[in-house]
Amino acid sequence: MRAVLVVAIVVAGGCGKAAGDRAPEPVPAAPAPPAVPPAAAGDPWAAPAAASKCPAQPFADELDLPEASAATWLVVDGKPALMVVADSGNRGAYRLVDPGDGSVRERGELPLGEGAGDDLEGLSIEGDRVWGLTSNGWLRAWKREPASAGKPARFALVVGPYPLGPVGGKDSLVCAPKGFNCGKNFEALCLRPGAAAGDCVGYAGAKADGRLYCMARDGDRLVADRARTLEVTPPLVLSSCDFSPDGRDLWVGTNMLGAARVYHVLDWQTPDKARAESVGSLGTGFPEGMAIGDDGAIYRFSDTGSAPSGQWKFRCK
């Protein structure tokens, strides 16, 4: 039986000009964070009193990004990093975060192209591309371009935006380009390194029904195969998913309506045998973004509607 903690969260949004019109901003080195996130009364980012099997690690407990909604572990300019993005109204704002101490390396805005909104809720790496998924089911992919001719390195839009399936209609996965929190209300994207031909490349996670929908390759694009799904959480609580960088382990995170639990999905290769095993409630606030590092660390990021966002690092025993 899963316990559900019900909370009321007011999420603030905004609007502004198109993203991608400013160069990324390198960030000077930040002072070292405290050894453990503070647990003082009233601190919204205080680490949980008991992190179950996965104790908190030394990590900066705040991120100067509004509404951190999605994250992925990747290598940028030869160094491991975490990319974290904001959701609706923030024009593709992102931060590159040091996976060691949580300091910010780079600030910028992802170019979004034309024809779809900016409610980015899922983020995942596939080869040299970073894929982003909006809540209404639209996909984009970016690629890192090195510095040249006096211009700094940046992320360039190389695919999309486009819908992951048919738009509209009865029980459609995808809704209008500018819609948000509609249709299946996608909150997660997790792509699997080394997927074989015919396998699911990864999954798109739907908050509406708690299912992971298989993503299949279609030329240069990824599309949803709704015939292949995994049911991993109750409705309304799924907030993130990620594969370990070696592609072997699948993890799913829930928001505070699901008690911020993180699940290790066992036997995910066989849908009728798949089961989710909780490793504990990781993070406070309203955890949405999650990434798994190359050393097995679990990173969580909280979207409470404004800046700063909470961030944590955990390591499972």
C-alpha atoms as a PDB file:
ATOM      1  CA  MET A   1       0.000   0.000   0.000  1.00  0.00           C
ATOM      2  CA  ARG A   2       1.372   3.399  -0.903  1.00  0.00           C
ATOM      3  CA  ALA A   3       0.882   6.263   1.508  1.00  0.00           C
ATOM      4  CA  VAL A   4      -0.013   9.558  -0.189  1.00  0.00           C
ATOM      5  CA  LEU A   5       0.734  12.901   1.375  1.00  0.00           C
ATOM      6  CA  VAL A   6      -1.572  15.609   0.040  1.00  0.00           C
ATOM      7  CA  VAL A   7      -0.295  19.152  -0.036  1.00  0.00           C
ATOM      8  CA  ALA A   8      -1.395  22.352  -1.704  1.00  0.00           C
ATOM      9  CA  ILE A   9       1.178  23.891  -3.982  1.00  0.00           C
ATOM     10  CA  VAL A  10       0.719  27.234  -5.693  1.00  0.00           C
ATOM     11  CA  VAL A  11       2.822  27.408  -8.836  1.00  0.00           C
ATOM     12  CA  ALA A  12       3.614  30.788 -10.258  1.00  0.00           C
ATOM     13  CA  GLY A  13       4.217  31.261 -13.982  1.00  0.00           C
ATOM     14  CA  GLY A  14       5.238  34.010 -16.311  1.00  0.00           C
ATOM     15  CA  CYS A  15       5.832  34.861 -19.900  1.00  0.00           C
ATOM     16  CA  GLY A  16       8.529  36.599 -21.869  1.00  0.00           C
ATOM     17  CA  LYS A  17      10.468  36.788 -25.083  1.00  0.00           C
ATOM     18  CA  ALA A  18      11.684  33.801 -27.070  1.00  0.00           C
ATOM     19  CA  ALA A  19      14.549  31.758 -25.654  1.00  0.00           C
ATOM     20  CA  GLY A  20      17.987  31.340 -27.106  1.00  0.00           C
ATOM     21  CA  ASP A  21      18.714  35.035 -27.729  1.00  0.00           C
ATOM     22  CA  ARG A  22      21.441  35.282 -25.119  1.00  0.00           C
ATOM     23  CA  ALA A  23      24.772  33.496 -24.962  1.00  0.00           C
ATOM     24  CA  PRO A  24      25.399  31.153 -22.016  1.00  0.00           C
ATOM     25  CA  GLU A  25      26.982  32.842 -19.033  1.00  0.00           C
ATOM     26  CA  PRO A  26      30.031  31.138 -17.497  1.00  0.00           C
ATOM     27  CA  VAL A  27      29.901  31.168 -13.725  1.00  0.00           C
ATOM     28  CA  PRO A  28      32.822  31.881 -11.397  1.00  0.00           C
ATOM     29  CA  ALA A  29      33.730  29.259  -8.833  1.00  0.00           C
ATOM     30  CA  ALA A  30      31.423  29.277  -5.815  1.00  0.00           C
ATOM     31  CA  PRO A  31      32.439  28.691  -2.209  1.00  0.00           C
ATOM     32  CA  ALA A  32      32.142  25.128  -0.969  1.00  0.00           C
ATOM     33  CA  PRO A  33      28.655  24.176   0.301  1.00  0.00           C
ATOM     34  CA  PRO A  34      28.049  23.087   3.877  1.00  0.00           C
ATOM     35  CA  ALA A  35      28.917  19.476   4.642  1.00  0.00           C
ATOM     36  CA  VAL A  36      25.232  18.539   4.976  1.00  0.00           C
ATOM     37  CA  PRO A  37      22.159  20.585   3.944  1.00  0.00           C
ATOM     38  CA  PRO A  38      20.903  22.452   7.047  1.00  0.00           C
ATOM     39  CA  ALA A  39      17.923  21.003   8.876  1.00  0.00           C
ATOM     40  CA  ALA A  40      16.932  24.109  10.801  1.00  0.00           C
ATOM     41  CA  ALA A  41      13.248  24.659  11.476  1.00  0.00           C
ATOM     42  CA  GLY A  42      11.563  26.576   8.665  1.00  0.00           C
ATOM     43  CA  ASP A  43      14.239  25.751   6.072  1.00  0.00           C
ATOM     44  CA  PRO A  44      12.233  24.589   2.993  1.00  0.00           C
ATOM     45  CA  TRP A  45      15.231  22.711   1.608  1.00  0.00           C
ATOM     46  CA  ALA A  46      16.156  20.890   4.812  1.00  0.00           C
ATOM     47  CA  ALA A  47      17.181  17.301   4.171  1.00  0.00           C
ATOM     48  CA  PRO A  48      14.659  14.671   5.364  1.00  0.00           C
ATOM     49  CA  ALA A  49      15.309  13.482   8.904  1.00  0.00           C
ATOM     50  CA  ALA A  50      15.725   9.939   7.609  1.00  0.00           C
ATOM     51  CA  ALA A  51      16.633   9.314   3.968  1.00  0.00           C
ATOM     52  CA  SER A  52      16.018   5.578   4.269  1.00  0.00           C
ATOM     53  CA  LYS A  53      18.481   3.550   2.215  1.00  0.00           C
ATOM     54  CA  CYS A  54      19.904   6.647   0.541  1.00  0.00           C
ATOM     55  CA  PRO A  55      21.533   9.174   2.918  1.00  0.00           C
ATOM     56  CA  ALA A  56      22.061  12.779   1.820  1.00  0.00           C
ATOM     57  CA  GLN A  57      25.500  13.756   0.547  1.00  0.00           C
ATOM     58  CA  PRO A  58      27.339  17.098   0.799  1.00  0.00           C
ATOM     59  CA  PHE A  59      25.779  19.297  -1.894  1.00  0.00           C
ATOM     60  CA  ALA A  60      24.639  22.912  -2.292  1.00  0.00           C
ATOM     61  CA  ASP A  61      20.993  22.945  -1.211  1.00  0.00           C
ATOM     62  CA  GLU A  62      19.758  25.781  -3.447  1.00  0.00           C
ATOM     63  CA  LEU A  63      19.844  26.406  -7.200  1.00  0.00           C
ATOM     64  CA  ASP A  64      19.283  29.894  -8.618  1.00  0.00           C
ATOM     65  CA  LEU A  65      16.819  28.578 -11.210  1.00  0.00           C
ATOM     66  CA  PRO A  66      13.062  29.129 -10.979  1.00  0.00           C
ATOM     67  CA  GLU A  67      10.794  26.080 -11.126  1.00  0.00           C
ATOM     68  CA  ALA A  68      13.428  23.367 -11.647  1.00  0.00           C
ATOM     69  CA  SER A  69      11.364  20.716 -13.391  1.00  0.00           C
ATOM     70  CA  ALA A  70      13.729  18.343 -15.229  1.00  0.00           C
ATOM     71  CA  ALA A  71      17.352  17.239 -15.153  1.00  0.00           C
ATOM     72  CA  THR A  72      19.843  14.928 -16.810  1.00  0.00           C
ATOM     73  CA  TRP A  73      23.415  13.802 -16.206  1.00  0.00           C
ATOM     74  CA  LEU A  74      25.735  14.419 -19.171  1.00  0.00           C
ATOM     75  CA  VAL A  75      29.252  15.351 -20.204  1.00  0.00           C
ATOM     76  CA  VAL A  76      29.669  18.973 -21.322  1.00  0.00           C
ATOM     77  CA  ASP A  77      32.929  20.254 -22.766  1.00  0.00           C
ATOM     78  CA  GLY A  78      34.712  17.170 -21.459  1.00  0.00           C
ATOM     79  CA  LYS A  79      33.419  17.405 -17.883  1.00  0.00           C
ATOM     80  CA  PRO A  80      30.540  15.597 -16.118  1.00  0.00           C
ATOM     81  CA  ALA A  81      27.645  17.941 -15.382  1.00  0.00           C
ATOM     82  CA  LEU A  82      23.967  18.085 -14.524  1.00  0.00           C
ATOM     83  CA  MET A  83      21.689  20.061 -16.821  1.00  0.00           C
ATOM     84  CA  VAL A  84      18.616  21.383 -15.035  1.00  0.00           C
ATOM     85  CA  VAL A  85      15.789  23.224 -16.827  1.00  0.00           C
ATOM     86  CA  ALA A  86      12.881  25.407 -15.742  1.00  0.00           C
ATOM     87  CA  ASP A  87       9.311  24.914 -16.905  1.00  0.00           C
ATOM     88  CA  SER A  88       6.504  27.097 -18.278  1.00  0.00           C
ATOM     89  CA  GLY A  89       7.097  30.834 -18.549  1.00  0.00           C
ATOM     90  CA  ASN A  90      10.878  30.643 -18.141  1.00  0.00           C
ATOM     91  CA  ARG A  91      11.862  30.590 -21.847  1.00  0.00           C
ATOM     92  CA  GLY A  92      14.011  27.468 -21.704  1.00  0.00           C
ATOM     93  CA  ALA A  93      16.186  28.676 -18.820  1.00  0.00           C
ATOM     94  CA  TYR A  94      18.820  26.135 -17.773  1.00  0.00           C
ATOM     95  CA  ARG A  95      21.764  25.710 -15.436  1.00  0.00           C
ATOM     96  CA  LEU A  96      24.782  23.442 -15.714  1.00  0.00           C
ATOM     97  CA  VAL A  97      25.497  22.180 -12.204  1.00  0.00           C
ATOM     98  CA  ASP A  98      28.668  20.561 -10.874  1.00  0.00           C
ATOM     99  CA  PRO A  99      27.690  17.020  -9.808  1.00  0.00           C
ATOM    100  CA  GLY A 100      30.313  17.087  -7.070  1.00  0.00           C
ATOM    101  CA  ASP A 101      29.289  20.075  -4.959  1.00  0.00           C
ATOM    102  CA  GLY A 102      26.168  21.540  -6.618  1.00  0.00           C
ATOM    103  CA  SER A 103      27.750  24.794  -7.736  1.00  0.00           C
ATOM    104  CA  VAL A 104      26.585  26.424 -10.995  1.00  0.00           C
ATOM    105  CA  ARG A 105      28.966  26.306 -13.957  1.00  0.00           C
ATOM    106  CA  GLU A 106      26.833  27.947 -16.625  1.00  0.00           C
ATOM    107  CA  ARG A 107      23.562  29.815 -17.007  1.00  0.00           C
ATOM    108  CA  GLY A 108      21.658  30.150 -20.254  1.00  0.00           C
ATOM    109  CA  GLU A 109      18.468  29.656 -22.261  1.00  0.00           C
ATOM    110  CA  LEU A 110      17.807  26.767 -24.609  1.00  0.00           C
ATOM    111  CA  PRO A 111      16.556  27.866 -28.047  1.00  0.00           C
ATOM    112  CA  LEU A 112      12.981  26.636 -28.397  1.00  0.00           C
ATOM    113  CA  GLY A 113      12.148  27.208 -32.060  1.00  0.00           C
ATOM    114  CA  GLU A 114       8.635  28.023 -33.219  1.00  0.00           C
ATOM    115  CA  GLY A 115       5.296  26.305 -32.818  1.00  0.00           C
ATOM    116  CA  ALA A 116       5.284  24.870 -29.286  1.00  0.00           C
ATOM    117  CA  GLY A 117       5.311  26.069 -25.692  1.00  0.00           C
ATOM    118  CA  ASP A 118       8.109  26.094 -23.129  1.00  0.00           C
ATOM    119  CA  ASP A 119       6.647  23.870 -20.383  1.00  0.00           C
ATOM    120  CA  LEU A 120       9.720  21.612 -20.272  1.00  0.00           C
ATOM    121  CA  GLU A 121       9.097  18.746 -17.850  1.00  0.00           C
ATOM    122  CA  GLY A 122      11.356  15.920 -19.077  1.00  0.00           C
ATOM    123  CA  LEU A 123      15.043  15.962 -20.033  1.00  0.00           C
ATOM    124  CA  SER A 124      17.346  13.142 -21.120  1.00  0.00           C
ATOM    125  CA  ILE A 125      20.617  12.545 -22.940  1.00  0.00           C
ATOM    126  CA  GLU A 126      20.989  10.316 -26.002  1.00  0.00           C
ATOM    127  CA  GLY A 127      24.468  10.254 -27.523  1.00  0.00           C
ATOM    128  CA  ASP A 128      25.420  13.862 -28.243  1.00  0.00           C
ATOM    129  CA  ARG A 129      21.823  15.113 -28.059  1.00  0.00           C
ATOM    130  CA  VAL A 130      19.810  16.422 -25.139  1.00  0.00           C
ATOM    131  CA  TRP A 131      16.096  15.732 -25.579  1.00  0.00           C
ATOM    132  CA  GLY A 132      13.406  17.800 -23.893  1.00  0.00           C
ATOM    133  CA  LEU A 133       9.708  16.929 -23.468  1.00  0.00           C
ATOM    134  CA  THR A 134       6.909  19.358 -22.631  1.00  0.00           C
ATOM    135  CA  SER A 135       3.870  18.442 -20.558  1.00  0.00           C
ATOM    136  CA  ASN A 136       1.634  18.531 -23.647  1.00  0.00           C
ATOM    137  CA  GLY A 137       3.743  15.931 -25.461  1.00  0.00           C
ATOM    138  CA  TRP A 138       6.065  17.922 -27.737  1.00  0.00           C
ATOM    139  CA  LEU A 139       9.750  17.053 -28.196  1.00  0.00           C
ATOM    140  CA  ARG A 140      12.928  18.957 -29.003  1.00  0.00           C
ATOM    141  CA  ALA A 141      16.601  17.996 -29.184  1.00  0.00           C
ATOM    142  CA  TRP A 142      19.695  20.157 -28.697  1.00  0.00           C
ATOM    143  CA  LYS A 143      23.361  19.591 -29.420  1.00  0.00           C
ATOM    144  CA  ARG A 144      26.357  21.300 -27.818  1.00  0.00           C
ATOM    145  CA  GLU A 145      28.287  23.468 -30.265  1.00  0.00           C
ATOM    146  CA  PRO A 146      31.884  24.312 -29.327  1.00  0.00           C
ATOM    147  CA  ALA A 147      33.151  27.843 -29.019  1.00  0.00           C
ATOM    148  CA  SER A 148      34.280  29.366 -32.312  1.00  0.00           C
ATOM    149  CA  ALA A 149      35.100  32.732 -33.848  1.00  0.00           C
ATOM    150  CA  GLY A 150      34.877  34.485 -30.534  1.00  0.00           C
ATOM    151  CA  LYS A 151      31.487  32.968 -29.715  1.00  0.00           C
ATOM    152  CA  PRO A 152      31.060  30.893 -26.556  1.00  0.00           C
ATOM    153  CA  ALA A 153      29.968  27.250 -26.619  1.00  0.00           C
ATOM    154  CA  ARG A 154      26.197  26.879 -26.698  1.00  0.00           C
ATOM    155  CA  PHE A 155      23.307  24.456 -27.115  1.00  0.00           C
ATOM    156  CA  ALA A 156      21.774  24.552 -30.604  1.00  0.00           C
ATOM    157  CA  LEU A 157      18.296  23.267 -31.460  1.00  0.00           C
ATOM    158  CA  VAL A 158      18.715  20.399 -33.963  1.00  0.00           C
ATOM    159  CA  VAL A 159      15.328  18.603 -33.893  1.00  0.00           C
ATOM    160  CA  GLY A 160      11.785  19.875 -33.356  1.00  0.00           C
ATOM    161  CA  PRO A 161       9.622  20.966 -31.849  1.00  0.00           C
ATOM    162  CA  TYR A 162       7.273  18.158 -32.927  1.00  0.00           C
ATOM    163  CA  PRO A 163       4.572  16.004 -31.247  1.00  0.00           C
ATOM    164  CA  LEU A 164       5.466  12.512 -30.025  1.00  0.00           C
ATOM    165  CA  GLY A 165       2.201  11.207 -31.496  1.00  0.00           C
ATOM    166  CA  PRO A 166      -1.057  12.319 -33.139  1.00  0.00           C
ATOM    167  CA  VAL A 167      -2.411  15.597 -31.788  1.00  0.00           C
ATOM    168  CA  GLY A 168      -5.930  15.669 -30.355  1.00  0.00           C
ATOM    169  CA  GLY A 169      -8.632  13.067 -30.704  1.00  0.00           C
ATOM    170  CA  LYS A 170     -10.044  10.601 -28.191  1.00  0.00           C
ATOM    171  CA  ASP A 171      -7.520   9.681 -25.487  1.00  0.00           C
ATOM    172  CA  SER A 172      -4.681  11.327 -27.419  1.00  0.00           C
ATOM    173  CA  LEU A 173      -1.241  11.424 -25.830  1.00  0.00           C
ATOM    174  CA  VAL A 174      -0.589  14.904 -27.248  1.00  0.00           C
ATOM    175  CA  CYS A 175      -2.535  18.150 -27.023  1.00  0.00           C
ATOM    176  CA  ALA A 176      -2.311  21.609 -28.612  1.00  0.00           C
ATOM    177  CA  PRO A 177       1.199  23.029 -29.217  1.00  0.00           C
ATOM    178  CA  LYS A 178       0.787  25.876 -26.747  1.00  0.00           C
ATOM    179  CA  GLY A 179      -1.112  23.828 -24.161  1.00  0.00           C
ATOM    180  CA  PHE A 180       0.351  22.657 -20.867  1.00  0.00           C
ATOM    181  CA  ASN A 181      -0.615  20.152 -18.163  1.00  0.00           C
ATOM    182  CA  CYS A 182      -3.060  18.610 -20.625  1.00  0.00           C
ATOM    183  CA  GLY A 183      -3.503  15.247 -22.324  1.00  0.00           C
ATOM    184  CA  LYS A 184      -1.381  12.693 -20.497  1.00  0.00           C
ATOM    185  CA  ASN A 185       0.443  15.570 -18.763  1.00  0.00           C
ATOM    186  CA  PHE A 186       3.983  14.294 -19.338  1.00  0.00           C
ATOM    187  CA  GLU A 187       6.403  14.948 -16.492  1.00  0.00           C
ATOM    188  CA  ALA A 188       9.376  12.731 -17.323  1.00  0.00           C
ATOM    189  CA  LEU A 189      11.694  11.535 -20.080  1.00  0.00           C
ATOM    190  CA  CYS A 190      14.327   8.831 -19.668  1.00  0.00           C
ATOM    191  CA  LEU A 191      16.325   7.528 -22.645  1.00  0.00           C
ATOM    192  CA  ARG A 192      18.397   4.373 -22.404  1.00  0.00           C
ATOM    193  CA  PRO A 193      22.035   4.198 -23.558  1.00  0.00           C
ATOM    194  CA  GLY A 194      22.786   1.288 -25.883  1.00  0.00           C
ATOM    195  CA  ALA A 195      19.197   0.367 -26.789  1.00  0.00           C
ATOM    196  CA  ALA A 196      19.100  -2.274 -29.541  1.00  0.00           C
ATOM    197  CA  ALA A 197      17.096  -1.926 -32.748  1.00  0.00           C
ATOM    198  CA  GLY A 198      13.431  -2.604 -32.038  1.00  0.00           C
ATOM    199  CA  ASP A 199      13.804  -2.013 -28.303  1.00  0.00           C
ATOM    200  CA  CYS A 200      12.294   0.951 -26.524  1.00  0.00           C
ATOM    201  CA  VAL A 201      14.804   3.787 -26.777  1.00  0.00           C
ATOM    202  CA  GLY A 202      13.456   4.901 -23.435  1.00  0.00           C
ATOM    203  CA  TYR A 203      10.241   6.150 -21.868  1.00  0.00           C
ATOM    204  CA  ALA A 204       8.059   9.246 -21.527  1.00  0.00           C
ATOM    205  CA  GLY A 205       6.426   9.403 -18.108  1.00  0.00           C
ATOM    206  CA  ALA A 206       2.789  10.536 -17.817  1.00  0.00           C
ATOM    207  CA  LYS A 207       1.531  12.126 -14.629  1.00  0.00           C
ATOM    208  CA  ALA A 208      -2.132  11.584 -15.590  1.00  0.00           C
ATOM    209  CA  ASP A 209      -1.990   7.789 -15.366  1.00  0.00           C
ATOM    210  CA  GLY A 210       1.375   6.952 -13.754  1.00  0.00           C
ATOM    211  CA  ARG A 211       2.633   5.089 -16.833  1.00  0.00           C
ATOM    212  CA  LEU A 212       5.900   5.101 -18.752  1.00  0.00           C
ATOM    213  CA  TYR A 213       5.265   5.093 -22.517  1.00  0.00           C
ATOM    214  CA  CYS A 214       7.804   3.389 -24.771  1.00  0.00           C
ATOM    215  CA  MET A 215       9.726   5.742 -27.057  1.00  0.00           C
ATOM    216  CA  ALA A 216      10.626   4.230 -30.440  1.00  0.00           C
ATOM    217  CA  ARG A 217      12.908   5.563 -33.144  1.00  0.00           C
ATOM    218  CA  ASP A 218      11.431   6.979 -36.358  1.00  0.00           C
ATOM    219  CA  GLY A 219      14.282   8.287 -38.478  1.00  0.00           C
ATOM    220  CA  ASP A 220      15.688  11.361 -36.769  1.00  0.00           C
ATOM    221  CA  ARG A 221      12.782  11.486 -34.356  1.00  0.00           C
ATOM    222  CA  LEU A 222      11.498   9.653 -31.301  1.00  0.00           C
ATOM    223  CA  VAL A 223       7.808   8.737 -31.156  1.00  0.00           C
ATOM    224  CA  ALA A 224       5.587   7.125 -28.536  1.00  0.00           C
ATOM    225  CA  ASP A 225       4.487   3.499 -28.852  1.00  0.00           C
ATOM    226  CA  ARG A 226       1.409   3.406 -26.649  1.00  0.00           C
ATOM    227  CA  ALA A 227       1.117  -0.368 -27.018  1.00  0.00           C
ATOM    228  CA  ARG A 228       4.184  -0.764 -24.801  1.00  0.00           C
ATOM    229  CA  THR A 229       3.871   0.801 -21.351  1.00  0.00           C
ATOM    230  CA  LEU A 230       4.942   0.248 -17.771  1.00  0.00           C
ATOM    231  CA  GLU A 231       2.583   1.129 -14.908  1.00  0.00           C
ATOM    232  CA  VAL A 232       4.860   2.395 -12.130  1.00  0.00           C
ATOM    233  CA  THR A 233       2.900   4.808  -9.883  1.00  0.00           C
ATOM    234  CA  PRO A 234      -0.671   5.844  -9.079  1.00  0.00           C
ATOM    235  CA  PRO A 235      -2.037   8.800 -11.108  1.00  0.00           C
ATOM    236  CA  LEU A 236      -0.903  12.362 -10.287  1.00  0.00           C
ATOM    237  CA  VAL A 237       2.372  11.541  -8.539  1.00  0.00           C
ATOM    238  CA  LEU A 238       4.913  10.543 -11.225  1.00  0.00           C
ATOM    239  CA  SER A 239       7.386  13.410 -11.630  1.00  0.00           C
ATOM    240  CA  SER A 240      10.635  12.042 -13.118  1.00  0.00           C
ATOM    241  CA  CYS A 241      12.496   9.018 -14.423  1.00  0.00           C
ATOM    242  CA  ASP A 242      16.057   8.208 -15.411  1.00  0.00           C
ATOM    243  CA  PHE A 243      18.272   5.318 -16.437  1.00  0.00           C
ATOM    244  CA  SER A 244      21.682   4.826 -14.918  1.00  0.00           C
ATOM    245  CA  PRO A 245      24.357   5.916 -17.435  1.00  0.00           C
ATOM    246  CA  ASP A 246      25.154   2.276 -18.213  1.00  0.00           C
ATOM    247  CA  GLY A 247      21.500   1.673 -19.194  1.00  0.00           C
ATOM    248  CA  ARG A 248      20.937  -1.159 -16.714  1.00  0.00           C
ATOM    249  CA  ASP A 249      18.872   0.418 -13.938  1.00  0.00           C
ATOM    250  CA  LEU A 250      15.618   2.362 -14.255  1.00  0.00           C
ATOM    251  CA  TRP A 251      14.565   4.809 -11.548  1.00  0.00           C
ATOM    252  CA  VAL A 252      11.304   6.729 -11.078  1.00  0.00           C
ATOM    253  CA  GLY A 253      10.645   9.699  -8.804  1.00  0.00           C
ATOM    254  CA  THR A 254       7.391  11.052  -7.399  1.00  0.00           C
ATOM    255  CA  ASN A 255       6.322  14.508  -6.288  1.00  0.00           C
ATOM    256  CA  MET A 256       5.154  15.417  -2.794  1.00  0.00           C
ATOM    257  CA  LEU A 257       1.715  13.949  -3.543  1.00  0.00           C
ATOM    258  CA  GLY A 258       3.584  10.633  -3.681  1.00  0.00           C
ATOM    259  CA  ALA A 259       5.617  11.464  -0.545  1.00  0.00           C
ATOM    260  CA  ALA A 260       8.655  12.327  -2.741  1.00  0.00           C
ATOM    261  CA  ARG A 261       9.476   8.636  -3.008  1.00  0.00           C
ATOM    262  CA  VAL A 262      12.080   7.294  -5.435  1.00  0.00           C
ATOM    263  CA  TYR A 263      11.557   3.820  -6.884  1.00  0.00           C
ATOM    264  CA  HIS A 264      14.007   1.353  -8.380  1.00  0.00           C
ATOM    265  CA  VAL A 265      12.061  -0.363 -11.183  1.00  0.00           C
ATOM    266  CA  LEU A 266      12.910  -4.066 -11.239  1.00  0.00           C
ATOM    267  CA  ASP A 267      12.424  -6.322 -14.289  1.00  0.00           C
ATOM    268  CA  TRP A 268      11.541  -3.286 -16.382  1.00  0.00           C
ATOM    269  CA  GLN A 269      12.531  -5.224 -19.528  1.00  0.00           C
ATOM    270  CA  THR A 270       9.444  -7.460 -19.037  1.00  0.00           C
ATOM    271  CA  PRO A 271       6.362  -5.223 -18.608  1.00  0.00           C
ATOM    272  CA  ASP A 272       4.132  -7.886 -17.041  1.00  0.00           C
ATOM    273  CA  LYS A 273       6.787  -8.612 -14.408  1.00  0.00           C
ATOM    274  CA  ALA A 274       7.988  -5.062 -13.753  1.00  0.00           C
ATOM    275  CA  ARG A 275       7.634  -3.793 -10.198  1.00  0.00           C
ATOM    276  CA  ALA A 276       8.694  -0.636  -8.410  1.00  0.00           C
ATOM    277  CA  GLU A 277      10.645  -0.917  -5.138  1.00  0.00           C
ATOM    278  CA  SER A 278      10.822   2.217  -2.984  1.00  0.00           C
ATOM    279  CA  VAL A 279      14.237   3.299  -1.681  1.00  0.00           C
ATOM    280  CA  GLY A 280      12.763   6.101   0.403  1.00  0.00           C
ATOM    281  CA  SER A 281      11.441   9.659   0.326  1.00  0.00           C
ATOM    282  CA  LEU A 282      14.231  11.785  -1.144  1.00  0.00           C
ATOM    283  CA  GLY A 283      13.906  15.558  -1.129  1.00  0.00           C
ATOM    284  CA  THR A 284      11.400  18.057   0.239  1.00  0.00           C
ATOM    285  CA  GLY A 285       9.320  20.836  -1.282  1.00  0.00           C
ATOM    286  CA  PHE A 286       7.886  19.515  -4.565  1.00  0.00           C
ATOM    287  CA  PRO A 287      10.550  17.286  -6.167  1.00  0.00           C
ATOM    288  CA  GLU A 288      10.201  17.038  -9.945  1.00  0.00           C
ATOM    289  CA  GLY A 289      13.610  16.786 -11.638  1.00  0.00           C
ATOM    290  CA  MET A 290      15.845  13.754 -11.080  1.00  0.00           C
ATOM    291  CA  ALA A 291      19.122  12.505 -12.538  1.00  0.00           C
ATOM    292  CA  ILE A 292      21.300   9.462 -11.899  1.00  0.00           C
ATOM    293  CA  GLY A 293      25.059  10.102 -11.970  1.00  0.00           C
ATOM    294  CA  ASP A 294      27.758   7.857 -13.403  1.00  0.00           C
ATOM    295  CA  ASP A 295      28.741   6.924  -9.851  1.00  0.00           C
ATOM    296  CA  GLY A 296      25.187   5.929  -8.893  1.00  0.00           C
ATOM    297  CA  ALA A 297      24.330   9.134  -7.026  1.00  0.00           C
ATOM    298  CA  ILE A 298      20.680  10.246  -7.161  1.00  0.00           C
ATOM    299  CA  TYR A 299      20.089  13.976  -7.701  1.00  0.00           C
ATOM    300  CA  ARG A 300      16.692  15.593  -7.081  1.00  0.00           C
ATOM    301  CA  PHE A 301      15.443  19.097  -7.856  1.00  0.00           C
ATOM    302  CA  SER A 302      12.312  20.776  -6.486  1.00  0.00           C
ATOM    303  CA  ASP A 303       9.819  22.975  -8.337  1.00  0.00           C
ATOM    304  CA  THR A 304       7.869  25.179  -5.918  1.00  0.00           C
ATOM    305  CA  GLY A 305       6.986  27.862  -8.461  1.00  0.00           C
ATOM    306  CA  SER A 306       9.799  30.371  -7.943  1.00  0.00           C
ATOM    307  CA  ALA A 307      13.539  30.794  -7.436  1.00  0.00           C
ATOM    308  CA  PRO A 308      15.577  29.427  -5.834  1.00  0.00           C
ATOM    309  CA  SER A 309      14.831  25.754  -6.362  1.00  0.00           C
ATOM    310  CA  GLY A 310      15.884  23.063  -3.926  1.00  0.00           C
ATOM    311  CA  GLN A 311      18.470  20.483  -4.913  1.00  0.00           C
ATOM    312  CA  TRP A 312      19.885  17.387  -3.198  1.00  0.00           C
ATOM    313  CA  LYS A 313      22.326  14.562  -3.734  1.00  0.00           C
ATOM    314  CA  PHE A 314      21.777  11.085  -2.288  1.00  0.00           C
ATOM    315  CA  ARG A 315      23.711   7.860  -2.397  1.00  0.00           C
ATOM    316  CA  CYS A 316      21.999   4.516  -1.870  1.00  0.00           C
ATOM    317  CA  LYS A 317      23.649   1.946   0.376  1.00  0.00           C
END
